[in-house]
Amino acid sequence: MDNSGATKFSLVTGKLLSRQFHFVLKAVLKIGNKYIKKDHAALHEGDYRWKWFKRAFGPLDGTHVPLAFPIEDQGRYRNRKDGLSTYILGAWDANLKFIYVLPGWEGFTLDSRVLRDALSWRHFLEIPS
């Protein structure tokens, strides 16, 4: 196989892999609430520093993860440092356990835009009372 054939095969395989990954991810998200136990009992009980932050869950931050993308998608995932990355938003509790992850945003996305989108979702961080 010559280089052009290998490149075409690589793109087709990459597209197929991406499509199958998203298929599995959507399936996991559908059954997640049924099979993934959320540990809300130990949020901040007994920690005097959190008494001023009722119903707070912990830090929230995003990061860019460098990845390789097919040529037709590279424009969307180009970040401000001219690299290719995807943006991932995460939140964790006081015990440094992840309680929320939102992956897959384009590389040049602002934190506020990702957070605004996450807040519009129906199941975003169900905070216990």
C-alpha atoms as a PDB file:
ATOM      1  CA  MET A   1       0.000   0.000   0.000  1.00  0.00           C
ATOM      2  CA  ASP A   2       1.395   3.424  -0.913  1.00  0.00           C
ATOM      3  CA  ASN A   3       1.298   6.491   1.344  1.00  0.00           C
ATOM      4  CA  SER A   4      -1.907   7.924  -0.138  1.00  0.00           C
ATOM      5  CA  GLY A   5      -3.680   4.600   0.363  1.00  0.00           C
ATOM      6  CA  ALA A   6      -2.460   4.380   3.945  1.00  0.00           C
ATOM      7  CA  THR A   7      -3.656   7.935   4.612  1.00  0.00           C
ATOM      8  CA  LYS A   8      -7.138   7.213   3.218  1.00  0.00           C
ATOM      9  CA  PHE A   9      -7.313   3.975   5.226  1.00  0.00           C
ATOM     10  CA  SER A  10      -6.239   5.849   8.356  1.00  0.00           C
ATOM     11  CA  LEU A  11      -8.957   8.505   7.918  1.00  0.00           C
ATOM     12  CA  VAL A  12     -11.670   5.914   7.286  1.00  0.00           C
ATOM     13  CA  THR A  13     -10.539   3.915  10.303  1.00  0.00           C
ATOM     14  CA  GLY A  14     -10.377   7.086  12.403  1.00  0.00           C
ATOM     15  CA  LYS A  15     -13.910   8.091  11.385  1.00  0.00           C
ATOM     16  CA  LEU A  16     -15.219   4.613  12.126  1.00  0.00           C
ATOM     17  CA  LEU A  17     -13.461   4.547  15.480  1.00  0.00           C
ATOM     18  CA  SER A  18     -14.801   7.992  16.383  1.00  0.00           C
ATOM     19  CA  ARG A  19     -18.350   7.031  15.400  1.00  0.00           C
ATOM     20  CA  GLN A  20     -18.212   3.801  17.423  1.00  0.00           C
ATOM     21  CA  PHE A  21     -16.697   5.604  20.430  1.00  0.00           C
ATOM     22  CA  HIS A  22     -19.540   8.141  20.439  1.00  0.00           C
ATOM     23  CA  PHE A  23     -22.071   5.312  20.092  1.00  0.00           C
ATOM     24  CA  VAL A  24     -20.658   3.605  23.209  1.00  0.00           C
ATOM     25  CA  LEU A  25     -20.372   6.921  25.081  1.00  0.00           C
ATOM     26  CA  LYS A  26     -24.056   7.715  24.454  1.00  0.00           C
ATOM     27  CA  ALA A  27     -25.022   4.243  25.684  1.00  0.00           C
ATOM     28  CA  VAL A  28     -22.997   4.705  28.880  1.00  0.00           C
ATOM     29  CA  LEU A  29     -24.615   8.105  29.473  1.00  0.00           C
ATOM     30  CA  LYS A  30     -28.084   6.556  29.115  1.00  0.00           C
ATOM     31  CA  ILE A  31     -27.465   3.849  31.725  1.00  0.00           C
ATOM     32  CA  GLY A  32     -25.137   5.896  33.934  1.00  0.00           C
ATOM     33  CA  ASN A  33     -27.752   7.076  36.439  1.00  0.00           C
ATOM     34  CA  LYS A  34     -28.937   3.513  36.945  1.00  0.00           C
ATOM     35  CA  TYR A  35     -25.555   1.838  37.494  1.00  0.00           C
ATOM     36  CA  ILE A  36     -23.174   4.562  38.687  1.00  0.00           C
ATOM     37  CA  LYS A  37     -23.614   5.373  42.364  1.00  0.00           C
ATOM     38  CA  LYS A  38     -23.120   9.007  43.291  1.00  0.00           C
ATOM     39  CA  ASP A  39     -21.431   9.485  46.660  1.00  0.00           C
ATOM     40  CA  HIS A  40     -23.156  12.534  48.144  1.00  0.00           C
ATOM     41  CA  ALA A  41     -22.961  11.493  51.799  1.00  0.00           C
ATOM     42  CA  ALA A  42     -19.449  12.796  52.420  1.00  0.00           C
ATOM     43  CA  LEU A  43     -19.690  16.131  50.632  1.00  0.00           C
ATOM     44  CA  HIS A  44     -18.361  18.445  53.332  1.00  0.00           C
ATOM     45  CA  GLU A  45     -19.893  17.216  56.552  1.00  0.00           C
ATOM     46  CA  GLY A  46     -17.871  18.181  59.577  1.00  0.00           C
ATOM     47  CA  ASP A  47     -15.484  20.482  57.709  1.00  0.00           C
ATOM     48  CA  TYR A  48     -15.858  23.942  59.283  1.00  0.00           C
ATOM     49  CA  ARG A  49     -14.366  25.667  56.223  1.00  0.00           C
ATOM     50  CA  TRP A  50     -17.421  24.736  54.130  1.00  0.00           C
ATOM     51  CA  LYS A  51     -20.111  26.044  56.512  1.00  0.00           C
ATOM     52  CA  TRP A  52     -20.383  29.257  54.445  1.00  0.00           C
ATOM     53  CA  PHE A  53     -20.889  27.367  51.188  1.00  0.00           C
ATOM     54  CA  LYS A  54     -24.186  25.516  51.560  1.00  0.00           C
ATOM     55  CA  ARG A  55     -24.901  23.149  48.642  1.00  0.00           C
ATOM     56  CA  ALA A  56     -21.415  23.747  47.189  1.00  0.00           C
ATOM     57  CA  PHE A  57     -19.871  20.686  45.600  1.00  0.00           C
ATOM     58  CA  GLY A  58     -16.205  21.628  45.091  1.00  0.00           C
ATOM     59  CA  PRO A  59     -13.916  23.037  42.408  1.00  0.00           C
ATOM     60  CA  LEU A  60     -14.811  23.234  38.730  1.00  0.00           C
ATOM     61  CA  ASP A  61     -12.199  23.664  36.011  1.00  0.00           C
ATOM     62  CA  GLY A  62     -11.459  22.901  32.408  1.00  0.00           C
ATOM     63  CA  THR A  63      -8.382  21.799  30.533  1.00  0.00           C
ATOM     64  CA  HIS A  64      -7.234  21.310  26.964  1.00  0.00           C
ATOM     65  CA  VAL A  65      -6.156  17.809  25.952  1.00  0.00           C
ATOM     66  CA  PRO A  66      -4.034  17.569  22.782  1.00  0.00           C
ATOM     67  CA  LEU A  67      -5.399  15.068  20.261  1.00  0.00           C
ATOM     68  CA  ALA A  68      -5.114  14.208  16.571  1.00  0.00           C
ATOM     69  CA  PHE A  69      -8.145  14.949  14.387  1.00  0.00           C
ATOM     70  CA  PRO A  70      -9.064  14.217  10.760  1.00  0.00           C
ATOM     71  CA  ILE A  71      -8.086  17.027   8.386  1.00  0.00           C
ATOM     72  CA  GLU A  72     -11.686  18.163   7.845  1.00  0.00           C
ATOM     73  CA  ASP A  73     -12.178  18.684  11.625  1.00  0.00           C
ATOM     74  CA  GLN A  74      -8.844  20.330  12.417  1.00  0.00           C
ATOM     75  CA  GLY A  75     -10.153  23.884  11.993  1.00  0.00           C
ATOM     76  CA  ARG A  76     -12.735  23.419  14.740  1.00  0.00           C
ATOM     77  CA  TYR A  77     -10.251  21.940  17.204  1.00  0.00           C
ATOM     78  CA  ARG A  78      -7.397  24.407  16.686  1.00  0.00           C
ATOM     79  CA  ASN A  79      -6.651  26.216  19.955  1.00  0.00           C
ATOM     80  CA  ARG A  80      -5.222  29.688  20.583  1.00  0.00           C
ATOM     81  CA  LYS A  81      -1.671  28.277  20.663  1.00  0.00           C
ATOM     82  CA  ASP A  82      -2.169  26.901  17.130  1.00  0.00           C
ATOM     83  CA  GLY A  83      -2.261  23.293  18.332  1.00  0.00           C
ATOM     84  CA  LEU A  84      -5.097  20.779  18.126  1.00  0.00           C
ATOM     85  CA  SER A  85      -6.964  20.008  21.331  1.00  0.00           C
ATOM     86  CA  THR A  86     -10.322  19.205  22.845  1.00  0.00           C
ATOM     87  CA  TYR A  87     -11.627  20.967  25.946  1.00  0.00           C
ATOM     88  CA  ILE A  88     -12.797  18.980  28.959  1.00  0.00           C
ATOM     89  CA  LEU A  89     -14.760  20.471  31.867  1.00  0.00           C
ATOM     90  CA  GLY A  90     -14.550  18.657  35.195  1.00  0.00           C
ATOM     91  CA  ALA A  91     -15.856  19.088  38.730  1.00  0.00           C
ATOM     92  CA  TRP A  92     -14.773  17.212  41.817  1.00  0.00           C
ATOM     93  CA  ASP A  93     -15.719  17.035  45.470  1.00  0.00           C
ATOM     94  CA  ALA A  94     -13.701  17.774  48.604  1.00  0.00           C
ATOM     95  CA  ASN A  95     -12.237  14.249  48.496  1.00  0.00           C
ATOM     96  CA  LEU A  96     -10.879  14.874  44.959  1.00  0.00           C
ATOM     97  CA  LYS A  97     -13.321  12.411  43.387  1.00  0.00           C
ATOM     98  CA  PHE A  98     -14.669  13.455  40.003  1.00  0.00           C
ATOM     99  CA  ILE A  99     -18.395  14.096  40.162  1.00  0.00           C
ATOM    100  CA  TYR A 100     -18.868  15.555  36.665  1.00  0.00           C
ATOM    101  CA  VAL A 101     -16.989  15.452  33.349  1.00  0.00           C
ATOM    102  CA  LEU A 102     -18.032  17.111  30.077  1.00  0.00           C
ATOM    103  CA  PRO A 103     -15.625  16.205  27.247  1.00  0.00           C
ATOM    104  CA  GLY A 104     -15.517  17.008  23.556  1.00  0.00           C
ATOM    105  CA  TRP A 105     -15.576  20.778  23.128  1.00  0.00           C
ATOM    106  CA  GLU A 106     -13.603  22.431  20.334  1.00  0.00           C
ATOM    107  CA  GLY A 107     -10.104  23.695  21.128  1.00  0.00           C
ATOM    108  CA  PHE A 108     -10.798  27.452  21.046  1.00  0.00           C
ATOM    109  CA  THR A 109     -13.757  27.376  23.433  1.00  0.00           C
ATOM    110  CA  LEU A 110     -14.092  29.740  26.381  1.00  0.00           C
ATOM    111  CA  ASP A 111     -14.698  28.402  29.902  1.00  0.00           C
ATOM    112  CA  SER A 112     -17.875  30.464  30.233  1.00  0.00           C
ATOM    113  CA  ARG A 113     -19.388  28.999  27.058  1.00  0.00           C
ATOM    114  CA  VAL A 114     -18.762  25.412  28.180  1.00  0.00           C
ATOM    115  CA  LEU A 115     -20.147  26.119  31.660  1.00  0.00           C
ATOM    116  CA  ARG A 116     -23.237  27.842  30.222  1.00  0.00           C
ATOM    117  CA  ASP A 117     -23.889  24.796  28.034  1.00  0.00           C
ATOM    118  CA  ALA A 118     -23.322  22.391  30.939  1.00  0.00           C
ATOM    119  CA  LEU A 119     -25.770  24.328  33.136  1.00  0.00           C
ATOM    120  CA  SER A 120     -28.444  24.029  30.448  1.00  0.00           C
ATOM    121  CA  TRP A 121     -28.300  20.216  30.561  1.00  0.00           C
ATOM    122  CA  ARG A 122     -31.021  18.516  32.571  1.00  0.00           C
ATOM    123  CA  HIS A 123     -28.692  16.316  34.658  1.00  0.00           C
ATOM    124  CA  PHE A 124     -25.851  18.767  35.274  1.00  0.00           C
ATOM    125  CA  LEU A 125     -24.496  18.249  38.794  1.00  0.00           C
ATOM    126  CA  GLU A 126     -27.545  17.191  40.734  1.00  0.00           C
ATOM    127  CA  ILE A 127     -26.615  18.887  43.998  1.00  0.00           C
ATOM    128  CA  PRO A 128     -28.099  17.259  47.106  1.00  0.00           C
ATOM    129  CA  SER A 129     -29.993  19.344  49.642  1.00  0.00           C
END
